[in-house]
Amino acid sequence: MLNEKISSIRTVEDLQDYVYETLCVDNELLTDAFPRSKRAIRRSSGELCGVLFCVHGPRTVDFTAIWERRANRILFYGPTGERYRQTLLEGSLTTPVDYVDRFVQNVDNSNA
C-alpha cells in the first residue's frame, strides 16, 4: 500500500479535486470522462465523519476514496474493495467549519 503525505490541500474544493484526479490517474481513466458522486458519512449522532467519493468507471466498476475528517486522511480503494493508497493531509483545511458543513449538506442534497 502506498502511503504519502501532502500539504497542498487547503480547501474542500482542493480535497475534492485531488481525490477525483488521483482516482482517475491511479486507475488509468480519462479525467472527467466518467460520472462522479460523493456522499457524507455521519455518525448516528449526526456528526460528520467524512465524505465518500466515487468515480463510476466503465462496465459498472466503481473506484472510491474516503476522507476521514478526524484523522484528516484519505483512503483509496480499488474496484475489488482493497485499500491501495493512504494520503495523510498535513495541516488542516483553511476552509471555515461552517463552509465545510454547507459543502457536506450540498453533498447530501445532490445525492438525494
PDB file of N, CA and C in Angstrom:
ATOM      1  N   MET A   1       0.852  -1.179   0.000  1.00  0.00           N
ATOM      2  CA  MET A   1       0.000   0.000   0.000  1.00  0.00           C
ATOM      3  C   MET A   1       0.897   1.241   0.000  1.00  0.00           C
ATOM      4  N   LEU A   2       0.537   2.173  -0.835  1.00  0.00           N
ATOM      5  CA  LEU A   2       1.281   3.420  -0.953  1.00  0.00           C
ATOM      6  C   LEU A   2       0.826   4.390   0.134  1.00  0.00           C
ATOM      7  N   ASN A   3       1.769   4.926   0.897  1.00  0.00           N
ATOM      8  CA  ASN A   3       1.489   5.942   1.911  1.00  0.00           C
ATOM      9  C   ASN A   3       2.188   7.224   1.510  1.00  0.00           C
ATOM     10  N   GLU A   4       1.486   8.328   1.634  1.00  0.00           N
ATOM     11  CA  GLU A   4       2.097   9.610   1.309  1.00  0.00           C
ATOM     12  C   GLU A   4       1.529  10.699   2.198  1.00  0.00           C
ATOM     13  N   LYS A   5       2.249  11.815   2.244  1.00  0.00           N
ATOM     14  CA  LYS A   5       1.803  12.994   2.978  1.00  0.00           C
ATOM     15  C   LYS A   5       1.834  14.164   2.010  1.00  0.00           C
ATOM     16  N   ILE A   6       0.779  14.970   2.064  1.00  0.00           N
ATOM     17  CA  ILE A   6       0.775  16.178   1.238  1.00  0.00           C
ATOM     18  C   ILE A   6       0.282  17.349   2.075  1.00  0.00           C
ATOM     19  N   SER A   7       0.744  18.516   1.715  1.00  0.00           N
ATOM     20  CA  SER A   7       0.358  19.711   2.466  1.00  0.00           C
ATOM     21  C   SER A   7      -0.305  20.759   1.589  1.00  0.00           C
ATOM     22  N   SER A   8      -0.531  20.453   0.326  1.00  0.00           N
ATOM     23  CA  SER A   8      -1.059  21.453  -0.605  1.00  0.00           C
ATOM     24  C   SER A   8      -2.578  21.581  -0.569  1.00  0.00           C
ATOM     25  N   ILE A   9      -3.264  20.702   0.116  1.00  0.00           N
ATOM     26  CA  ILE A   9      -4.730  20.765   0.153  1.00  0.00           C
ATOM     27  C   ILE A   9      -5.161  21.666   1.304  1.00  0.00           C
ATOM     28  N   ARG A  10      -5.844  22.746   0.960  1.00  0.00           N
ATOM     29  CA  ARG A  10      -6.254  23.725   1.963  1.00  0.00           C
ATOM     30  C   ARG A  10      -7.763  23.950   2.011  1.00  0.00           C
ATOM     31  N   THR A  11      -8.464  23.596   0.939  1.00  0.00           N
ATOM     32  CA  THR A  11      -9.909  23.826   0.905  1.00  0.00           C
ATOM     33  C   THR A  11     -10.627  22.526   0.569  1.00  0.00           C
ATOM     34  N   VAL A  12     -11.921  22.518   0.805  1.00  0.00           N
ATOM     35  CA  VAL A  12     -12.727  21.353   0.469  1.00  0.00           C
ATOM     36  C   VAL A  12     -12.706  21.122  -1.040  1.00  0.00           C
ATOM     37  N   GLU A  13     -12.691  22.165  -1.821  1.00  0.00           N
ATOM     38  CA  GLU A  13     -12.627  22.024  -3.271  1.00  0.00           C
ATOM     39  C   GLU A  13     -11.301  21.388  -3.707  1.00  0.00           C
ATOM     40  N   ASP A  14     -10.182  21.803  -3.057  1.00  0.00           N
ATOM     41  CA  ASP A  14      -8.876  21.183  -3.337  1.00  0.00           C
ATOM     42  C   ASP A  14      -8.920  19.688  -3.020  1.00  0.00           C
ATOM     43  N   LEU A  15      -9.544  19.355  -1.908  1.00  0.00           N
ATOM     44  CA  LEU A  15      -9.674  17.956  -1.496  1.00  0.00           C
ATOM     45  C   LEU A  15     -10.432  17.157  -2.547  1.00  0.00           C
ATOM     46  N   GLN A  16     -11.563  17.678  -2.959  1.00  0.00           N
ATOM     47  CA  GLN A  16     -12.386  17.001  -3.959  1.00  0.00           C
ATOM     48  C   GLN A  16     -11.627  16.823  -5.276  1.00  0.00           C
ATOM     49  N   ASP A  17     -10.964  17.868  -5.746  1.00  0.00           N
ATOM     50  CA  ASP A  17     -10.202  17.785  -6.998  1.00  0.00           C
ATOM     51  C   ASP A  17      -9.076  16.760  -6.890  1.00  0.00           C
ATOM     52  N   TYR A  18      -8.357  16.769  -5.770  1.00  0.00           N
ATOM     53  CA  TYR A  18      -7.260  15.825  -5.573  1.00  0.00           C
ATOM     54  C   TYR A  18      -7.773  14.383  -5.595  1.00  0.00           C
ATOM     55  N   VAL A  19      -8.857  14.126  -4.890  1.00  0.00           N
ATOM     56  CA  VAL A  19      -9.396  12.761  -4.811  1.00  0.00           C
ATOM     57  C   VAL A  19      -9.812  12.269  -6.188  1.00  0.00           C
ATOM     58  N   TYR A  20     -10.599  13.058  -6.912  1.00  0.00           N
ATOM     59  CA  TYR A  20     -11.073  12.598  -8.223  1.00  0.00           C
ATOM     60  C   TYR A  20      -9.923  12.430  -9.214  1.00  0.00           C
ATOM     61  N   GLU A  21      -8.969  13.354  -9.202  1.00  0.00           N
ATOM     62  CA  GLU A  21      -7.830  13.237 -10.119  1.00  0.00           C
ATOM     63  C   GLU A  21      -6.991  12.000  -9.785  1.00  0.00           C
ATOM     64  N   THR A  22      -6.755  11.757  -8.504  1.00  0.00           N
ATOM     65  CA  THR A  22      -5.965  10.595  -8.089  1.00  0.00           C
ATOM     66  C   THR A  22      -6.659   9.297  -8.470  1.00  0.00           C
ATOM     67  N   LEU A  23      -7.966   9.215  -8.236  1.00  0.00           N
ATOM     68  CA  LEU A  23      -8.705   8.005  -8.613  1.00  0.00           C
ATOM     69  C   LEU A  23      -8.593   7.735 -10.112  1.00  0.00           C
ATOM     70  N   CYS A  24      -8.709   8.779 -10.916  1.00  0.00           N
ATOM     71  CA  CYS A  24      -8.633   8.600 -12.370  1.00  0.00           C
ATOM     72  C   CYS A  24      -7.228   8.204 -12.812  1.00  0.00           C
ATOM     73  N   VAL A  25      -6.206   8.881 -12.312  1.00  0.00           N
ATOM     74  CA  VAL A  25      -4.835   8.572 -12.708  1.00  0.00           C
ATOM     75  C   VAL A  25      -4.452   7.164 -12.256  1.00  0.00           C
ATOM     76  N   ASP A  26      -4.751   6.825 -11.010  1.00  0.00           N
ATOM     77  CA  ASP A  26      -4.387   5.512 -10.478  1.00  0.00           C
ATOM     78  C   ASP A  26      -5.045   4.367 -11.243  1.00  0.00           C
ATOM     79  N   ASN A  27      -6.227   4.616 -11.765  1.00  0.00           N
ATOM     80  CA  ASN A  27      -6.976   3.550 -12.443  1.00  0.00           C
ATOM     81  C   ASN A  27      -7.005   3.714 -13.954  1.00  0.00           C
ATOM     82  N   GLU A  28      -6.114   4.577 -14.460  1.00  0.00           N
ATOM     83  CA  GLU A  28      -5.944   4.802 -15.897  1.00  0.00           C
ATOM     84  C   GLU A  28      -7.248   5.180 -16.591  1.00  0.00           C
ATOM     85  N   LEU A  29      -7.970   6.113 -15.964  1.00  0.00           N
ATOM     86  CA  LEU A  29      -9.212   6.621 -16.531  1.00  0.00           C
ATOM     87  C   LEU A  29      -8.983   8.045 -17.018  1.00  0.00           C
ATOM     88  N   LEU A  30      -9.663   8.428 -18.065  1.00  0.00           N
ATOM     89  CA  LEU A  30      -9.606   9.813 -18.520  1.00  0.00           C
ATOM     90  C   LEU A  30     -10.314  10.687 -17.495  1.00  0.00           C
ATOM     91  N   THR A  31      -9.640  11.763 -17.100  1.00  0.00           N
ATOM     92  CA  THR A  31     -10.241  12.688 -16.147  1.00  0.00           C
ATOM     93  C   THR A  31     -11.503  13.290 -16.758  1.00  0.00           C
ATOM     94  N   ASP A  32     -12.552  13.365 -16.002  1.00  0.00           N
ATOM     95  CA  ASP A  32     -13.855  13.924 -16.415  1.00  0.00           C
ATOM     96  C   ASP A  32     -14.585  13.087 -17.461  1.00  0.00           C
ATOM     97  N   ALA A  33     -14.152  11.858 -17.698  1.00  0.00           N
ATOM     98  CA  ALA A  33     -14.827  11.022 -18.692  1.00  0.00           C
ATOM     99  C   ALA A  33     -15.935  10.163 -18.087  1.00  0.00           C
ATOM    100  N   PHE A  34     -15.934  10.025 -16.759  1.00  0.00           N
ATOM    101  CA  PHE A  34     -16.901   9.149 -16.109  1.00  0.00           C
ATOM    102  C   PHE A  34     -17.655   9.905 -15.021  1.00  0.00           C
ATOM    103  N   PRO A  35     -18.881   9.472 -14.736  1.00  0.00           N
ATOM    104  CA  PRO A  35     -19.669  10.140 -13.689  1.00  0.00           C
ATOM    105  C   PRO A  35     -18.993  10.012 -12.322  1.00  0.00           C
ATOM    106  N   ARG A  36     -19.272  10.996 -11.498  1.00  0.00           N
ATOM    107  CA  ARG A  36     -18.713  11.046 -10.144  1.00  0.00           C
ATOM    108  C   ARG A  36     -19.849  11.275  -9.162  1.00  0.00           C
ATOM    109  N   SER A  37     -19.637  10.813  -7.947  1.00  0.00           N
ATOM    110  CA  SER A  37     -20.606  11.102  -6.891  1.00  0.00           C
ATOM    111  C   SER A  37     -19.861  11.252  -5.579  1.00  0.00           C
ATOM    112  N   LYS A  38     -20.558  11.784  -4.589  1.00  0.00           N
ATOM    113  CA  LYS A  38     -19.996  11.943  -3.255  1.00  0.00           C
ATOM    114  C   LYS A  38     -21.141  11.886  -2.252  1.00  0.00           C
ATOM    115  N   ARG A  39     -20.826  11.413  -1.077  1.00  0.00           N
ATOM    116  CA  ARG A  39     -21.853  11.252  -0.041  1.00  0.00           C
ATOM    117  C   ARG A  39     -21.213  11.488   1.320  1.00  0.00           C
ATOM    118  N   ALA A  40     -21.904  12.218   2.164  1.00  0.00           N
ATOM    119  CA  ALA A  40     -21.424  12.454   3.522  1.00  0.00           C
ATOM    120  C   ALA A  40     -21.536  11.169   4.331  1.00  0.00           C
ATOM    121  N   ILE A  41     -20.578  10.973   5.194  1.00  0.00           N
ATOM    122  CA  ILE A  41     -20.605   9.855   6.135  1.00  0.00           C
ATOM    123  C   ILE A  41     -20.777  10.467   7.518  1.00  0.00           C
ATOM    124  N   ARG A  42     -21.819  10.036   8.214  1.00  0.00           N
ATOM    125  CA  ARG A  42     -22.133  10.617   9.525  1.00  0.00           C
ATOM    126  C   ARG A  42     -22.267   9.532  10.590  1.00  0.00           C
ATOM    127  N   ARG A  43     -21.978   9.914  11.815  1.00  0.00           N
ATOM    128  CA  ARG A  43     -22.234   9.044  12.969  1.00  0.00           C
ATOM    129  C   ARG A  43     -23.733   9.029  13.234  1.00  0.00           C
ATOM    130  N   SER A  44     -24.169   8.109  14.077  1.00  0.00           N
ATOM    131  CA  SER A  44     -25.601   8.053  14.400  1.00  0.00           C
ATOM    132  C   SER A  44     -26.063   9.339  15.079  1.00  0.00           C
ATOM    133  N   SER A  45     -25.134  10.074  15.695  1.00  0.00           N
ATOM    134  CA  SER A  45     -25.465  11.348  16.341  1.00  0.00           C
ATOM    135  C   SER A  45     -25.632  12.478  15.325  1.00  0.00           C
ATOM    136  N   GLY A  46     -25.281  12.229  14.059  1.00  0.00           N
ATOM    137  CA  GLY A  46     -25.366  13.250  13.026  1.00  0.00           C
ATOM    138  C   GLY A  46     -24.052  13.950  12.761  1.00  0.00           C
ATOM    139  N   GLU A  47     -23.039  13.685  13.585  1.00  0.00           N
ATOM    140  CA  GLU A  47     -21.734  14.312  13.407  1.00  0.00           C
ATOM    141  C   GLU A  47     -21.079  13.818  12.114  1.00  0.00           C
ATOM    142  N   LEU A  48     -20.516  14.742  11.363  1.00  0.00           N
ATOM    143  CA  LEU A  48     -19.822  14.409  10.125  1.00  0.00           C
ATOM    144  C   LEU A  48     -18.543  13.647  10.427  1.00  0.00           C
ATOM    145  N   CYS A  49     -18.401  12.451   9.820  1.00  0.00           N
ATOM    146  CA  CYS A  49     -17.179  11.642   9.961  1.00  0.00           C
ATOM    147  C   CYS A  49     -16.268  11.839   8.766  1.00  0.00           C
ATOM    148  N   GLY A  50     -16.856  12.038   7.589  1.00  0.00           N
ATOM    149  CA  GLY A  50     -16.067  12.158   6.386  1.00  0.00           C
ATOM    150  C   GLY A  50     -16.941  12.205   5.159  1.00  0.00           C
ATOM    151  N   VAL A  51     -16.307  12.010   4.021  1.00  0.00           N
ATOM    152  CA  VAL A  51     -17.016  12.039   2.744  1.00  0.00           C
ATOM    153  C   VAL A  51     -16.533  10.855   1.907  1.00  0.00           C
ATOM    154  N   LEU A  52     -17.478  10.158   1.302  1.00  0.00           N
ATOM    155  CA  LEU A  52     -17.181   9.071   0.371  1.00  0.00           C
ATOM    156  C   LEU A  52     -17.239   9.637  -1.038  1.00  0.00           C
ATOM    157  N   PHE A  53     -16.145   9.507  -1.778  1.00  0.00           N
ATOM    158  CA  PHE A  53     -16.068   9.950  -3.164  1.00  0.00           C
ATOM    159  C   PHE A  53     -16.054   8.722  -4.055  1.00  0.00           C
ATOM    160  N   CYS A  54     -16.688   8.800  -5.217  1.00  0.00           N
ATOM    161  CA  CYS A  54     -16.746   7.652  -6.111  1.00  0.00           C
ATOM    162  C   CYS A  54     -16.655   8.105  -7.572  1.00  0.00           C
ATOM    163  N   VAL A  55     -15.835   7.395  -8.342  1.00  0.00           N
ATOM    164  CA  VAL A  55     -15.816   7.540  -9.796  1.00  0.00           C
ATOM    165  C   VAL A  55     -16.437   6.271 -10.343  1.00  0.00           C
ATOM    166  N   HIS A  56     -17.506   6.432 -11.115  1.00  0.00           N
ATOM    167  CA  HIS A  56     -18.231   5.295 -11.686  1.00  0.00           C
ATOM    168  C   HIS A  56     -17.635   5.008 -13.058  1.00  0.00           C
ATOM    169  N   GLY A  57     -16.736   4.032 -13.096  1.00  0.00           N
ATOM    170  CA  GLY A  57     -15.978   3.727 -14.298  1.00  0.00           C
ATOM    171  C   GLY A  57     -16.734   2.870 -15.285  1.00  0.00           C
ATOM    172  N   PRO A  58     -16.008   2.343 -16.256  1.00  0.00           N
ATOM    173  CA  PRO A  58     -16.638   1.526 -17.297  1.00  0.00           C
ATOM    174  C   PRO A  58     -17.150   0.197 -16.731  1.00  0.00           C
ATOM    175  N   ARG A  59     -18.166  -0.331 -17.374  1.00  0.00           N
ATOM    176  CA  ARG A  59     -18.739  -1.633 -17.016  1.00  0.00           C
ATOM    177  C   ARG A  59     -19.137  -1.701 -15.544  1.00  0.00           C
ATOM    178  N   THR A  60     -19.734  -0.651 -15.047  1.00  0.00           N
ATOM    179  CA  THR A  60     -20.238  -0.531 -13.663  1.00  0.00           C
ATOM    180  C   THR A  60     -19.179  -0.812 -12.599  1.00  0.00           C
ATOM    181  N   VAL A  61     -17.930  -0.495 -12.887  1.00  0.00           N
ATOM    182  CA  VAL A  61     -16.857  -0.624 -11.905  1.00  0.00           C
ATOM    183  C   VAL A  61     -16.727   0.709 -11.180  1.00  0.00           C
ATOM    184  N   ASP A  62     -16.716   0.662  -9.839  1.00  0.00           N
ATOM    185  CA  ASP A  62     -16.594   1.869  -9.036  1.00  0.00           C
ATOM    186  C   ASP A  62     -15.225   1.948  -8.376  1.00  0.00           C
ATOM    187  N   PHE A  63     -14.674   3.144  -8.353  1.00  0.00           N
ATOM    188  CA  PHE A  63     -13.404   3.438  -7.700  1.00  0.00           C
ATOM    189  C   PHE A  63     -13.715   4.457  -6.614  1.00  0.00           C
ATOM    190  N   THR A  64     -13.327   4.179  -5.364  1.00  0.00           N
ATOM    191  CA  THR A  64     -13.765   5.011  -4.252  1.00  0.00           C
ATOM    192  C   THR A  64     -12.605   5.501  -3.401  1.00  0.00           C
ATOM    193  N   ALA A  65     -12.903   6.556  -2.664  1.00  0.00           N
ATOM    194  CA  ALA A  65     -11.978   7.091  -1.665  1.00  0.00           C
ATOM    195  C   ALA A  65     -12.818   7.673  -0.533  1.00  0.00           C
ATOM    196  N   ILE A  66     -12.279   7.587   0.669  1.00  0.00           N
ATOM    197  CA  ILE A  66     -12.962   8.134   1.841  1.00  0.00           C
ATOM    198  C   ILE A  66     -12.031   9.126   2.522  1.00  0.00           C
ATOM    199  N   TRP A  67     -12.543  10.331   2.745  1.00  0.00           N
ATOM    200  CA  TRP A  67     -11.820  11.314   3.542  1.00  0.00           C
ATOM    201  C   TRP A  67     -12.325  11.176   4.972  1.00  0.00           C
ATOM    202  N   GLU A  68     -11.421  10.849   5.908  1.00  0.00           N
ATOM    203  CA  GLU A  68     -11.751  10.766   7.323  1.00  0.00           C
ATOM    204  C   GLU A  68     -11.462  12.115   7.951  1.00  0.00           C
ATOM    205  N   ARG A  69     -12.500  12.738   8.467  1.00  0.00           N
ATOM    206  CA  ARG A  69     -12.362  14.099   8.973  1.00  0.00           C
ATOM    207  C   ARG A  69     -11.440  14.178  10.184  1.00  0.00           C
ATOM    208  N   ARG A  70     -11.629  13.329  11.176  1.00  0.00           N
ATOM    209  CA  ARG A  70     -10.816  13.420  12.402  1.00  0.00           C
ATOM    210  C   ARG A  70      -9.343  13.111  12.147  1.00  0.00           C
ATOM    211  N   ALA A  71      -9.064  12.050  11.388  1.00  0.00           N
ATOM    212  CA  ALA A  71      -7.679  11.667  11.105  1.00  0.00           C
ATOM    213  C   ALA A  71      -7.081  12.532   9.998  1.00  0.00           C
ATOM    214  N   ASN A  72      -7.927  13.256   9.282  1.00  0.00           N
ATOM    215  CA  ASN A  72      -7.524  14.115   8.168  1.00  0.00           C
ATOM    216  C   ASN A  72      -6.668  13.333   7.162  1.00  0.00           C
ATOM    217  N   ARG A  73      -7.214  12.207   6.747  1.00  0.00           N
ATOM    218  CA  ARG A  73      -6.534  11.370   5.765  1.00  0.00           C
ATOM    219  C   ARG A  73      -7.537  10.878   4.736  1.00  0.00           C
ATOM    220  N   ILE A  74      -6.995  10.454   3.588  1.00  0.00           N
ATOM    221  CA  ILE A  74      -7.822   9.934   2.504  1.00  0.00           C
ATOM    222  C   ILE A  74      -7.404   8.501   2.262  1.00  0.00           C
ATOM    223  N   LEU A  75      -8.377   7.605   2.230  1.00  0.00           N
ATOM    224  CA  LEU A  75      -8.139   6.192   1.969  1.00  0.00           C
ATOM    225  C   LEU A  75      -8.705   5.876   0.594  1.00  0.00           C
ATOM    226  N   PHE A  76      -7.881   5.308  -0.284  1.00  0.00           N
ATOM    227  CA  PHE A  76      -8.283   4.996  -1.651  1.00  0.00           C
ATOM    228  C   PHE A  76      -8.486   3.492  -1.788  1.00  0.00           C
ATOM    229  N   TYR A  77      -9.572   3.111  -2.473  1.00  0.00           N
ATOM    230  CA  TYR A  77      -9.933   1.705  -2.635  1.00  0.00           C
ATOM    231  C   TYR A  77     -10.087   1.362  -4.109  1.00  0.00           C
ATOM    232  N   GLY A  78      -9.604   0.183  -4.473  1.00  0.00           N
ATOM    233  CA  GLY A  78      -9.740  -0.310  -5.835  1.00  0.00           C
ATOM    234  C   GLY A  78     -11.111  -0.909  -6.075  1.00  0.00           C
ATOM    235  N   PRO A  79     -11.362  -1.396  -7.278  1.00  0.00           N
ATOM    236  CA  PRO A  79     -12.692  -1.909  -7.641  1.00  0.00           C
ATOM    237  C   PRO A  79     -13.096  -3.172  -6.881  1.00  0.00           C
ATOM    238  N   THR A  80     -12.136  -3.879  -6.295  1.00  0.00           N
ATOM    239  CA  THR A  80     -12.478  -5.079  -5.524  1.00  0.00           C
ATOM    240  C   THR A  80     -12.563  -4.789  -4.024  1.00  0.00           C
ATOM    241  N   GLY A  81     -12.401  -3.526  -3.651  1.00  0.00           N
ATOM    242  CA  GLY A  81     -12.536  -3.139  -2.252  1.00  0.00           C
ATOM    243  C   GLY A  81     -11.249  -3.111  -1.464  1.00  0.00           C
ATOM    244  N   GLU A  82     -10.123  -3.422  -2.104  1.00  0.00           N
ATOM    245  CA  GLU A  82      -8.858  -3.395  -1.376  1.00  0.00           C
ATOM    246  C   GLU A  82      -8.333  -1.962  -1.288  1.00  0.00           C
ATOM    247  N   ARG A  83      -7.797  -1.628  -0.116  1.00  0.00           N
ATOM    248  CA  ARG A  83      -7.209  -0.300   0.060  1.00  0.00           C
ATOM    249  C   ARG A  83      -5.804  -0.337  -0.519  1.00  0.00           C
ATOM    250  N   TYR A  84      -5.506   0.605  -1.418  1.00  0.00           N
ATOM    251  CA  TYR A  84      -4.211   0.586  -2.076  1.00  0.00           C
ATOM    252  C   TYR A  84      -3.385   1.842  -1.828  1.00  0.00           C
ATOM    253  N   ARG A  85      -4.003   2.865  -1.239  1.00  0.00           N
ATOM    254  CA  ARG A  85      -3.273   4.118  -1.013  1.00  0.00           C
ATOM    255  C   ARG A  85      -3.867   4.820   0.196  1.00  0.00           C
ATOM    256  N   GLN A  86      -2.982   5.482   0.928  1.00  0.00           N
ATOM    257  CA  GLN A  86      -3.412   6.324   2.035  1.00  0.00           C
ATOM    258  C   GLN A  86      -2.658   7.633   1.929  1.00  0.00           C
ATOM    259  N   THR A  87      -3.386   8.733   1.994  1.00  0.00           N
ATOM    260  CA  THR A  87      -2.776  10.054   1.937  1.00  0.00           C
ATOM    261  C   THR A  87      -3.103  10.803   3.209  1.00  0.00           C
ATOM    262  N   LEU A  88      -2.083  11.195   3.940  1.00  0.00           N
ATOM    263  CA  LEU A  88      -2.247  11.985   5.149  1.00  0.00           C
ATOM    264  C   LEU A  88      -2.149  13.456   4.761  1.00  0.00           C
ATOM    265  N   LEU A  89      -3.143  14.233   5.152  1.00  0.00           N
ATOM    266  CA  LEU A  89      -3.140  15.662   4.850  1.00  0.00           C
ATOM    267  C   LEU A  89      -2.462  16.401   5.994  1.00  0.00           C
ATOM    268  N   GLU A  90      -1.309  16.977   5.709  1.00  0.00           N
ATOM    269  CA  GLU A  90      -0.586  17.718   6.731  1.00  0.00           C
ATOM    270  C   GLU A  90      -1.223  19.089   6.890  1.00  0.00           C
ATOM    271  N   GLY A  91      -1.431  19.508   8.106  1.00  0.00           N
ATOM    272  CA  GLY A  91      -2.127  20.760   8.373  1.00  0.00           C
ATOM    273  C   GLY A  91      -3.614  20.543   8.250  1.00  0.00           C
ATOM    274  N   SER A  92      -4.354  21.578   8.492  1.00  0.00           N
ATOM    275  CA  SER A  92      -5.804  21.459   8.418  1.00  0.00           C
ATOM    276  C   SER A  92      -6.326  22.264   7.237  1.00  0.00           C
ATOM    277  N   LEU A  93      -7.556  21.975   6.875  1.00  0.00           N
ATOM    278  CA  LEU A  93      -8.186  22.747   5.809  1.00  0.00           C
ATOM    279  C   LEU A  93      -8.383  24.171   6.301  1.00  0.00           C
ATOM    280  N   THR A  94      -8.109  25.142   5.429  1.00  0.00           N
ATOM    281  CA  THR A  94      -8.298  26.539   5.811  1.00  0.00           C
ATOM    282  C   THR A  94      -9.743  26.969   5.617  1.00  0.00           C
ATOM    283  N   THR A  95     -10.542  26.079   5.075  1.00  0.00           N
ATOM    284  CA  THR A  95     -11.951  26.367   4.859  1.00  0.00           C
ATOM    285  C   THR A  95     -12.650  26.455   6.205  1.00  0.00           C
ATOM    286  N   PRO A  96     -13.446  27.505   6.449  1.00  0.00           N
ATOM    287  CA  PRO A  96     -14.168  27.600   7.719  1.00  0.00           C
ATOM    288  C   PRO A  96     -15.109  26.417   7.933  1.00  0.00           C
ATOM    289  N   VAL A  97     -15.299  26.065   9.194  1.00  0.00           N
ATOM    290  CA  VAL A  97     -16.118  24.907   9.536  1.00  0.00           C
ATOM    291  C   VAL A  97     -17.536  25.035   8.991  1.00  0.00           C
ATOM    292  N   ASP A  98     -18.127  26.227   9.062  1.00  0.00           N
ATOM    293  CA  ASP A  98     -19.500  26.383   8.560  1.00  0.00           C
ATOM    294  C   ASP A  98     -19.563  26.150   7.046  1.00  0.00           C
ATOM    295  N   TYR A  99     -18.507  26.497   6.328  1.00  0.00           N
ATOM    296  CA  TYR A  99     -18.474  26.237   4.889  1.00  0.00           C
ATOM    297  C   TYR A  99     -18.373  24.748   4.620  1.00  0.00           C
ATOM    298  N   VAL A 100     -17.544  24.048   5.407  1.00  0.00           N
ATOM    299  CA  VAL A 100     -17.438  22.599   5.260  1.00  0.00           C
ATOM    300  C   VAL A 100     -18.804  21.962   5.509  1.00  0.00           C
ATOM    301  N   ASP A 101     -19.521  22.419   6.520  1.00  0.00           N
ATOM    302  CA  ASP A 101     -20.851  21.882   6.801  1.00  0.00           C
ATOM    303  C   ASP A 101     -21.812  22.143   5.640  1.00  0.00           C
ATOM    304  N   ARG A 102     -21.757  23.330   5.039  1.00  0.00           N
ATOM    305  CA  ARG A 102     -22.606  23.617   3.872  1.00  0.00           C
ATOM    306  C   ARG A 102     -22.222  22.725   2.695  1.00  0.00           C
ATOM    307  N   PHE A 103     -20.919  22.509   2.490  1.00  0.00           N
ATOM    308  CA  PHE A 103     -20.444  21.617   1.432  1.00  0.00           C
ATOM    309  C   PHE A 103     -21.016  20.220   1.632  1.00  0.00           C
ATOM    310  N   VAL A 104     -20.975  19.739   2.861  1.00  0.00           N
ATOM    311  CA  VAL A 104     -21.493  18.400   3.160  1.00  0.00           C
ATOM    312  C   VAL A 104     -22.997  18.366   2.972  1.00  0.00           C
ATOM    313  N   GLN A 105     -23.707  19.406   3.353  1.00  0.00           N
ATOM    314  CA  GLN A 105     -25.151  19.448   3.110  1.00  0.00           C
ATOM    315  C   GLN A 105     -25.434  19.384   1.621  1.00  0.00           C
ATOM    316  N   ASN A 106     -24.642  20.079   0.823  1.00  0.00           N
ATOM    317  CA  ASN A 106     -24.804  20.019  -0.629  1.00  0.00           C
ATOM    318  C   ASN A 106     -24.511  18.622  -1.139  1.00  0.00           C
ATOM    319  N   VAL A 107     -23.544  17.954  -0.532  1.00  0.00           N
ATOM    320  CA  VAL A 107     -23.247  16.569  -0.891  1.00  0.00           C
ATOM    321  C   VAL A 107     -24.494  15.729  -0.631  1.00  0.00           C
ATOM    322  N   ASP A 108     -25.070  15.870   0.553  1.00  0.00           N
ATOM    323  CA  ASP A 108     -26.253  15.093   0.910  1.00  0.00           C
ATOM    324  C   ASP A 108     -27.401  15.387  -0.046  1.00  0.00           C
ATOM    325  N   ASN A 109     -27.629  16.656  -0.341  1.00  0.00           N
ATOM    326  CA  ASN A 109     -28.752  17.039  -1.195  1.00  0.00           C
ATOM    327  C   ASN A 109     -28.528  16.617  -2.639  1.00  0.00           C
ATOM    328  N   SER A 110     -27.290  16.605  -3.109  1.00  0.00           N
ATOM    329  CA  SER A 110     -27.032  16.260  -4.512  1.00  0.00           C
ATOM    330  C   SER A 110     -27.220  14.768  -4.776  1.00  0.00           C
ATOM    331  N   ASN A 111     -27.224  13.961  -3.743  1.00  0.00           N
ATOM    332  CA  ASN A 111     -27.379  12.521  -3.902  1.00  0.00           C
ATOM    333  C   ASN A 111     -28.726  12.022  -3.437  1.00  0.00           C
ATOM    334  N   ALA A 112     -29.629  12.913  -3.134  1.00  0.00           N
ATOM    335  CA  ALA A 112     -30.936  12.508  -2.628  1.00  0.00           C
ATOM    336  C   ALA A 112     -31.805  11.952  -3.741  1.00  0.00           C
TER     337      ALA A 112
END
